[in-house]
């Protein structure tokens, strides 16, 4: 989505945010599986190349759960993990697309115009959905 006459570009990675929360609240393996499934779906529907989102979302989902298990669980940690995961995914996507010459833009432009606004918007989204999502996931654990 382009705003302000293409001065910045925001990519809503809301599914990735949900994958990270699944990985944090449930397990890193569920985050990996959700990342594989949704990554493949994104590659088939939107991707320029099969495998970029497939691998990226799976790795971010797995490592988010892996990192979360080593720290005291708290709201700021969750937001930090989500923003770091989105940043990692954006850098991975840029690097992969640039490596295969599917994009021809500079890293500096991509980082300032796309990555930073994307991380901010997805971080705000994570803050807004944290409590409802935590309630849903904890309720599911009680039923199991």
N, C-alpha and C. Protein backbone atom coordinates (compact mmCIF):
# COMPACT_ATOMS: atom_id res chain seq x y z
N UNK A 1 0.85 -1.17 0.00
CA UNK A 1 0.00 0.00 0.00
C UNK A 1 0.89 1.23 0.00
N UNK A 2 0.71 2.09 -0.96
CA UNK A 2 1.51 3.30 -1.05
C UNK A 2 0.77 4.47 -0.41
N UNK A 3 1.49 5.23 0.38
CA UNK A 3 0.92 6.41 1.02
C UNK A 3 1.79 7.61 0.72
N UNK A 4 1.21 8.77 0.84
CA UNK A 4 1.92 10.03 0.68
C UNK A 4 2.63 10.10 -0.66
N UNK A 5 1.90 9.74 -1.70
CA UNK A 5 2.41 9.81 -3.08
C UNK A 5 3.72 9.03 -3.24
N UNK A 6 3.74 7.83 -2.70
CA UNK A 6 4.85 6.88 -2.82
C UNK A 6 6.12 7.32 -2.10
N UNK A 7 5.98 8.21 -1.11
CA UNK A 7 7.16 8.53 -0.31
C UNK A 7 7.51 7.35 0.60
N UNK A 8 6.49 6.66 1.08
CA UNK A 8 6.72 5.45 1.87
C UNK A 8 5.80 4.34 1.37
N UNK A 9 6.21 3.14 1.59
CA UNK A 9 5.41 1.98 1.23
C UNK A 9 5.27 1.11 2.47
N UNK A 10 4.05 0.73 2.79
CA UNK A 10 3.79 -0.11 3.95
C UNK A 10 3.28 -1.46 3.45
N UNK A 11 3.92 -2.51 3.91
CA UNK A 11 3.50 -3.86 3.55
C UNK A 11 2.89 -4.49 4.80
N UNK A 12 1.57 -4.70 4.82
CA UNK A 12 0.96 -5.29 6.02
C UNK A 12 1.22 -6.80 6.09
N UNK A 13 2.09 -7.19 6.98
CA UNK A 13 2.41 -8.60 7.18
C UNK A 13 1.60 -9.14 8.37
N UNK A 14 0.28 -8.96 8.31
CA UNK A 14 -0.56 -9.35 9.43
C UNK A 14 -0.58 -10.86 9.64
N UNK A 15 -0.49 -11.62 8.58
CA UNK A 15 -0.43 -13.08 8.71
C UNK A 15 0.87 -13.49 9.38
N UNK A 16 1.95 -12.83 9.04
CA UNK A 16 3.24 -13.12 9.67
C UNK A 16 3.18 -12.80 11.16
N UNK A 17 2.54 -11.71 11.52
CA UNK A 17 2.38 -11.36 12.93
C UNK A 17 1.60 -12.46 13.66
N UNK A 18 0.56 -12.97 13.03
CA UNK A 18 -0.21 -14.06 13.63
C UNK A 18 0.63 -15.33 13.75
N UNK A 19 1.45 -15.61 12.76
CA UNK A 19 2.33 -16.78 12.82
C UNK A 19 3.31 -16.65 13.99
N UNK A 20 3.84 -15.46 14.18
CA UNK A 20 4.77 -15.22 15.29
C UNK A 20 4.06 -15.41 16.62
N UNK A 21 2.84 -14.91 16.75
CA UNK A 21 2.09 -15.10 17.99
C UNK A 21 1.77 -16.57 18.23
N UNK A 22 1.44 -17.31 17.19
CA UNK A 22 1.21 -18.75 17.33
C UNK A 22 2.47 -19.42 17.85
N UNK A 23 3.60 -19.04 17.31
CA UNK A 23 4.87 -19.61 17.71
C UNK A 23 5.20 -19.28 19.17
N UNK A 24 4.89 -18.06 19.57
CA UNK A 24 5.20 -17.63 20.94
C UNK A 24 4.25 -18.29 21.94
N UNK A 25 2.95 -18.25 21.67
CA UNK A 25 1.96 -18.72 22.64
C UNK A 25 1.82 -20.25 22.65
N UNK A 26 2.01 -20.91 21.53
CA UNK A 26 1.81 -22.35 21.50
C UNK A 26 3.15 -23.09 21.46
N UNK A 27 3.80 -23.14 20.31
CA UNK A 27 5.11 -23.78 20.24
C UNK A 27 5.81 -23.36 18.95
N UNK A 28 7.11 -23.50 18.97
CA UNK A 28 7.88 -23.13 17.78
C UNK A 28 7.58 -24.05 16.61
N UNK A 29 7.22 -25.31 16.88
CA UNK A 29 6.89 -26.23 15.79
C UNK A 29 5.58 -25.85 15.11
N UNK A 30 4.60 -25.40 15.89
CA UNK A 30 3.35 -24.94 15.28
C UNK A 30 3.58 -23.67 14.47
N UNK A 31 4.46 -22.82 14.96
CA UNK A 31 4.82 -21.62 14.19
C UNK A 31 5.51 -21.98 12.88
N UNK A 32 6.36 -22.99 12.93
CA UNK A 32 7.03 -23.47 11.72
C UNK A 32 6.01 -24.01 10.71
N UNK A 33 5.09 -24.82 11.17
CA UNK A 33 4.09 -25.40 10.27
C UNK A 33 3.18 -24.32 9.70
N UNK A 34 2.73 -23.39 10.55
CA UNK A 34 1.89 -22.29 10.06
C UNK A 34 2.66 -21.44 9.06
N UNK A 35 3.94 -21.20 9.32
CA UNK A 35 4.77 -20.43 8.38
C UNK A 35 4.93 -21.13 7.05
N UNK A 36 5.11 -22.45 7.09
CA UNK A 36 5.23 -23.22 5.84
C UNK A 36 3.94 -23.15 5.03
N UNK A 37 2.81 -23.36 5.70
CA UNK A 37 1.53 -23.38 4.99
C UNK A 37 1.18 -22.02 4.41
N UNK A 38 1.23 -20.99 5.23
CA UNK A 38 0.86 -19.66 4.75
C UNK A 38 1.91 -19.08 3.81
N UNK A 39 3.17 -19.42 4.02
CA UNK A 39 4.22 -18.97 3.11
C UNK A 39 4.03 -19.55 1.72
N UNK A 40 3.72 -20.85 1.65
CA UNK A 40 3.46 -21.47 0.35
C UNK A 40 2.24 -20.85 -0.31
N UNK A 41 1.20 -20.62 0.47
CA UNK A 41 0.00 -19.98 -0.06
C UNK A 41 0.31 -18.60 -0.63
N UNK A 42 1.09 -17.81 0.09
CA UNK A 42 1.47 -16.49 -0.40
C UNK A 42 2.32 -16.58 -1.66
N UNK A 43 3.23 -17.54 -1.71
CA UNK A 43 4.07 -17.70 -2.90
C UNK A 43 3.24 -18.06 -4.12
N UNK A 44 2.29 -18.95 -3.94
CA UNK A 44 1.46 -19.37 -5.07
C UNK A 44 0.59 -18.23 -5.56
N UNK A 45 0.01 -17.47 -4.63
CA UNK A 45 -0.94 -16.42 -5.02
C UNK A 45 -0.24 -15.13 -5.42
N UNK A 46 0.73 -14.66 -4.62
CA UNK A 46 1.30 -13.34 -4.82
C UNK A 46 2.76 -13.32 -5.25
N UNK A 47 3.48 -14.40 -5.06
CA UNK A 47 4.92 -14.37 -5.19
C UNK A 47 5.44 -14.31 -6.61
N UNK A 48 6.64 -13.75 -6.72
CA UNK A 48 7.35 -13.74 -7.98
C UNK A 48 8.11 -15.05 -8.18
N UNK A 49 8.31 -15.75 -7.06
CA UNK A 49 9.12 -16.97 -7.08
C UNK A 49 8.64 -17.88 -5.95
N UNK A 50 8.45 -19.14 -6.22
CA UNK A 50 8.00 -20.08 -5.20
C UNK A 50 9.16 -20.35 -4.23
N UNK A 51 8.91 -20.16 -2.96
CA UNK A 51 9.90 -20.47 -1.94
C UNK A 51 10.34 -19.31 -1.09
N UNK A 52 10.19 -18.08 -1.56
CA UNK A 52 10.67 -16.93 -0.78
C UNK A 52 9.86 -16.78 0.50
N UNK A 53 8.55 -16.66 0.39
CA UNK A 53 7.71 -16.55 1.58
C UNK A 53 7.62 -17.88 2.32
N UNK A 54 7.65 -18.97 1.60
CA UNK A 54 7.59 -20.31 2.16
C UNK A 54 8.70 -20.51 3.19
N UNK A 55 9.91 -20.19 2.82
CA UNK A 55 11.06 -20.36 3.70
C UNK A 55 11.10 -19.25 4.74
N UNK A 56 10.88 -18.01 4.32
CA UNK A 56 10.98 -16.87 5.22
C UNK A 56 10.00 -16.91 6.37
N UNK A 57 8.74 -17.15 6.07
CA UNK A 57 7.73 -17.20 7.14
C UNK A 57 7.96 -18.38 8.07
N UNK A 58 8.39 -19.50 7.53
CA UNK A 58 8.66 -20.67 8.36
C UNK A 58 9.82 -20.40 9.31
N UNK A 59 10.90 -19.82 8.80
CA UNK A 59 12.06 -19.54 9.65
C UNK A 59 11.75 -18.51 10.72
N UNK A 60 11.04 -17.44 10.34
CA UNK A 60 10.69 -16.42 11.32
C UNK A 60 9.75 -17.00 12.37
N UNK A 61 8.79 -17.82 11.95
CA UNK A 61 7.89 -18.45 12.90
C UNK A 61 8.63 -19.35 13.88
N UNK A 62 9.54 -20.16 13.38
CA UNK A 62 10.28 -21.07 14.24
C UNK A 62 11.20 -20.32 15.21
N UNK A 63 11.98 -19.37 14.69
CA UNK A 63 12.93 -18.68 15.54
C UNK A 63 12.26 -17.74 16.53
N UNK A 64 11.07 -17.27 16.23
CA UNK A 64 10.34 -16.44 17.20
C UNK A 64 9.97 -17.27 18.43
N UNK A 65 9.48 -18.46 18.20
CA UNK A 65 9.17 -19.36 19.32
C UNK A 65 10.42 -19.80 20.05
N UNK A 66 11.48 -20.00 19.32
CA UNK A 66 12.75 -20.42 19.93
C UNK A 66 13.31 -19.33 20.83
N UNK A 67 13.26 -18.09 20.37
CA UNK A 67 13.76 -16.97 21.17
C UNK A 67 12.90 -16.76 22.40
N UNK A 68 11.58 -16.86 22.24
CA UNK A 68 10.64 -16.59 23.34
C UNK A 68 10.82 -17.56 24.51
N UNK A 69 11.27 -18.76 24.25
CA UNK A 69 11.40 -19.74 25.33
C UNK A 69 12.55 -19.45 26.28
N UNK A 70 13.46 -18.55 25.90
CA UNK A 70 14.61 -18.26 26.74
C UNK A 70 14.46 -17.00 27.59
N UNK A 71 13.32 -16.33 27.50
CA UNK A 71 13.12 -15.09 28.23
C UNK A 71 11.86 -15.15 29.08
N UNK A 72 11.82 -14.30 30.09
CA UNK A 72 10.63 -14.14 30.91
C UNK A 72 9.52 -13.56 30.04
N UNK A 73 8.39 -14.21 29.97
CA UNK A 73 7.30 -13.80 29.08
C UNK A 73 6.64 -12.53 29.60
N UNK A 74 6.57 -11.53 28.70
CA UNK A 74 5.94 -10.27 29.04
C UNK A 74 5.48 -9.58 27.77
N UNK A 75 4.58 -8.63 27.92
CA UNK A 75 4.04 -7.90 26.78
C UNK A 75 5.13 -7.20 25.97
N UNK A 76 6.07 -6.45 26.60
CA UNK A 76 7.12 -5.81 25.80
C UNK A 76 7.98 -6.81 25.03
N UNK A 77 8.21 -7.98 25.60
CA UNK A 77 8.98 -9.00 24.90
C UNK A 77 8.24 -9.47 23.65
N UNK A 78 6.93 -9.68 23.77
CA UNK A 78 6.14 -10.12 22.62
C UNK A 78 6.20 -9.10 21.49
N UNK A 79 6.04 -7.83 21.84
CA UNK A 79 6.07 -6.78 20.81
C UNK A 79 7.47 -6.70 20.19
N UNK A 80 8.50 -6.84 21.00
CA UNK A 80 9.87 -6.82 20.49
C UNK A 80 10.13 -7.99 19.55
N UNK A 81 9.67 -9.17 19.91
CA UNK A 81 9.85 -10.34 19.05
C UNK A 81 9.11 -10.17 17.73
N UNK A 82 7.89 -9.64 17.79
CA UNK A 82 7.12 -9.43 16.56
C UNK A 82 7.81 -8.41 15.66
N UNK A 83 8.24 -7.29 16.21
CA UNK A 83 8.88 -6.27 15.37
C UNK A 83 10.21 -6.78 14.82
N UNK A 84 10.96 -7.51 15.64
CA UNK A 84 12.22 -8.09 15.14
C UNK A 84 11.96 -9.14 14.07
N UNK A 85 10.90 -9.94 14.25
CA UNK A 85 10.56 -10.95 13.25
C UNK A 85 10.15 -10.33 11.92
N UNK A 86 9.36 -9.27 11.97
CA UNK A 86 8.95 -8.58 10.74
C UNK A 86 10.17 -7.94 10.08
N UNK A 87 11.05 -7.33 10.88
CA UNK A 87 12.28 -6.74 10.34
C UNK A 87 13.14 -7.82 9.68
N UNK A 88 13.30 -8.94 10.34
CA UNK A 88 14.08 -10.04 9.79
C UNK A 88 13.48 -10.54 8.48
N UNK A 89 12.16 -10.68 8.43
CA UNK A 89 11.49 -11.14 7.22
C UNK A 89 11.66 -10.14 6.09
N UNK A 90 11.55 -8.86 6.38
CA UNK A 90 11.73 -7.83 5.35
C UNK A 90 13.15 -7.85 4.79
N UNK A 91 14.14 -7.97 5.67
CA UNK A 91 15.53 -8.01 5.22
C UNK A 91 15.80 -9.27 4.40
N UNK A 92 15.25 -10.39 4.84
CA UNK A 92 15.39 -11.65 4.10
C UNK A 92 14.74 -11.53 2.72
N UNK A 93 13.53 -10.97 2.66
CA UNK A 93 12.83 -10.83 1.39
C UNK A 93 13.60 -9.93 0.43
N UNK A 94 14.08 -8.79 0.94
CA UNK A 94 14.85 -7.89 0.09
C UNK A 94 16.11 -8.58 -0.42
N UNK A 95 16.83 -9.24 0.48
CA UNK A 95 18.07 -9.89 0.09
C UNK A 95 17.86 -10.98 -0.95
N UNK A 96 16.82 -11.78 -0.77
CA UNK A 96 16.55 -12.85 -1.71
C UNK A 96 16.11 -12.31 -3.07
N UNK A 97 15.20 -11.35 -3.06
CA UNK A 97 14.74 -10.77 -4.33
C UNK A 97 15.88 -10.04 -5.05
N UNK A 98 16.74 -9.37 -4.29
CA UNK A 98 17.88 -8.67 -4.90
C UNK A 98 18.92 -9.68 -5.43
N UNK A 99 19.11 -10.77 -4.71
CA UNK A 99 20.06 -11.80 -5.12
C UNK A 99 19.69 -12.40 -6.47
N UNK A 100 18.41 -12.64 -6.67
CA UNK A 100 17.94 -13.24 -7.92
C UNK A 100 17.54 -12.20 -8.97
N UNK A 101 17.91 -10.95 -8.72
CA UNK A 101 17.66 -9.84 -9.66
C UNK A 101 16.19 -9.67 -10.01
N UNK A 102 15.32 -9.89 -9.02
CA UNK A 102 13.90 -9.68 -9.23
C UNK A 102 13.49 -8.25 -8.88
N UNK A 103 14.35 -7.54 -8.14
CA UNK A 103 14.15 -6.12 -7.87
C UNK A 103 15.45 -5.40 -8.14
N UNK A 104 15.35 -4.15 -8.44
CA UNK A 104 16.54 -3.35 -8.72
C UNK A 104 16.43 -2.02 -7.99
N UNK A 105 16.45 -2.08 -6.67
CA UNK A 105 16.42 -0.88 -5.85
C UNK A 105 17.55 -0.97 -4.84
N UNK A 106 17.96 0.18 -4.33
CA UNK A 106 19.06 0.20 -3.38
C UNK A 106 18.58 -0.23 -1.99
N UNK A 107 19.51 -0.76 -1.21
CA UNK A 107 19.17 -1.19 0.14
C UNK A 107 18.76 0.00 0.99
N UNK A 108 19.45 1.11 0.84
CA UNK A 108 19.14 2.29 1.64
C UNK A 108 17.71 2.77 1.38
N UNK A 109 17.32 2.84 0.11
CA UNK A 109 15.97 3.28 -0.22
C UNK A 109 14.94 2.30 0.33
N UNK A 110 15.19 1.01 0.15
CA UNK A 110 14.25 -0.01 0.63
C UNK A 110 14.13 0.02 2.15
N UNK A 111 15.23 0.23 2.84
CA UNK A 111 15.19 0.23 4.30
C UNK A 111 14.42 1.44 4.83
N UNK A 112 14.70 2.61 4.28
CA UNK A 112 14.05 3.83 4.77
C UNK A 112 12.60 3.93 4.30
N UNK A 113 12.35 3.62 3.05
CA UNK A 113 11.02 3.84 2.49
C UNK A 113 10.06 2.67 2.70
N UNK A 114 10.56 1.47 2.88
CA UNK A 114 9.68 0.30 2.99
C UNK A 114 9.82 -0.39 4.35
N UNK A 115 11.01 -0.75 4.74
CA UNK A 115 11.21 -1.59 5.92
C UNK A 115 10.80 -0.91 7.21
N UNK A 116 11.26 0.30 7.44
CA UNK A 116 10.93 1.00 8.69
C UNK A 116 9.43 1.24 8.82
N UNK A 117 8.75 1.80 7.80
CA UNK A 117 7.29 1.96 7.95
C UNK A 117 6.55 0.63 8.11
N UNK A 118 7.01 -0.40 7.44
CA UNK A 118 6.38 -1.71 7.55
C UNK A 118 6.51 -2.27 8.96
N UNK A 119 7.68 -2.16 9.54
CA UNK A 119 7.90 -2.65 10.90
C UNK A 119 7.04 -1.87 11.89
N UNK A 120 6.94 -0.56 11.73
CA UNK A 120 6.14 0.26 12.64
C UNK A 120 4.66 -0.12 12.56
N UNK A 121 4.11 -0.22 11.36
CA UNK A 121 2.69 -0.55 11.21
C UNK A 121 2.39 -1.95 11.74
N UNK A 122 3.24 -2.91 11.47
CA UNK A 122 3.01 -4.26 11.96
C UNK A 122 3.20 -4.35 13.47
N UNK A 123 4.08 -3.55 14.03
CA UNK A 123 4.24 -3.47 15.48
C UNK A 123 2.99 -2.90 16.15
N UNK A 124 2.41 -1.87 15.55
CA UNK A 124 1.16 -1.30 16.06
C UNK A 124 0.04 -2.34 15.98
N UNK A 125 -0.03 -3.06 14.87
CA UNK A 125 -1.02 -4.12 14.73
C UNK A 125 -0.85 -5.17 15.82
N UNK A 126 0.39 -5.54 16.11
CA UNK A 126 0.65 -6.54 17.15
C UNK A 126 0.19 -6.04 18.52
N UNK A 127 0.40 -4.77 18.80
CA UNK A 127 -0.04 -4.20 20.07
C UNK A 127 -1.57 -4.23 20.17
N UNK A 128 -2.25 -3.92 19.07
CA UNK A 128 -3.71 -3.86 19.07
C UNK A 128 -4.36 -5.23 19.22
N UNK A 129 -3.77 -6.27 18.65
CA UNK A 129 -4.42 -7.58 18.69
C UNK A 129 -3.87 -8.48 19.80
N UNK A 130 -2.93 -7.99 20.58
CA UNK A 130 -2.29 -8.85 21.57
C UNK A 130 -3.28 -9.43 22.57
N UNK A 131 -4.05 -8.60 23.25
CA UNK A 131 -4.96 -9.08 24.30
C UNK A 131 -6.05 -9.99 23.74
N UNK A 132 -6.77 -9.60 22.68
CA UNK A 132 -7.79 -10.53 22.16
C UNK A 132 -7.20 -11.88 21.71
N UNK A 133 -6.04 -11.82 21.08
CA UNK A 133 -5.42 -13.06 20.61
C UNK A 133 -4.94 -13.91 21.78
N UNK A 134 -4.39 -13.28 22.80
CA UNK A 134 -3.95 -14.02 23.98
C UNK A 134 -5.15 -14.69 24.65
N UNK A 135 -6.27 -14.00 24.73
CA UNK A 135 -7.47 -14.57 25.32
C UNK A 135 -7.95 -15.78 24.52
N UNK A 136 -7.94 -15.68 23.19
CA UNK A 136 -8.38 -16.79 22.35
C UNK A 136 -7.46 -18.00 22.46
N UNK A 137 -6.17 -17.76 22.45
CA UNK A 137 -5.22 -18.87 22.50
C UNK A 137 -5.23 -19.54 23.87
N UNK A 138 -5.32 -18.75 24.94
CA UNK A 138 -5.35 -19.35 26.27
C UNK A 138 -6.65 -20.11 26.49
N UNK A 139 -7.76 -19.61 25.93
CA UNK A 139 -9.03 -20.33 26.03
C UNK A 139 -8.95 -21.66 25.29
N UNK A 140 -8.25 -21.68 24.15
CA UNK A 140 -8.07 -22.93 23.41
C UNK A 140 -7.24 -23.92 24.18
N UNK A 141 -6.21 -23.45 24.91
CA UNK A 141 -5.38 -24.34 25.70
C UNK A 141 -6.20 -24.96 26.84
N UNK A 142 -7.10 -24.18 27.44
CA UNK A 142 -7.91 -24.69 28.55
C UNK A 142 -8.85 -25.79 28.04
N UNK A 143 -9.42 -25.61 26.85
CA UNK A 143 -10.31 -26.61 26.28
C UNK A 143 -9.58 -27.90 25.91
N UNK A 144 -8.32 -27.81 25.52
CA UNK A 144 -7.55 -29.00 25.18
C UNK A 144 -7.23 -29.77 26.43
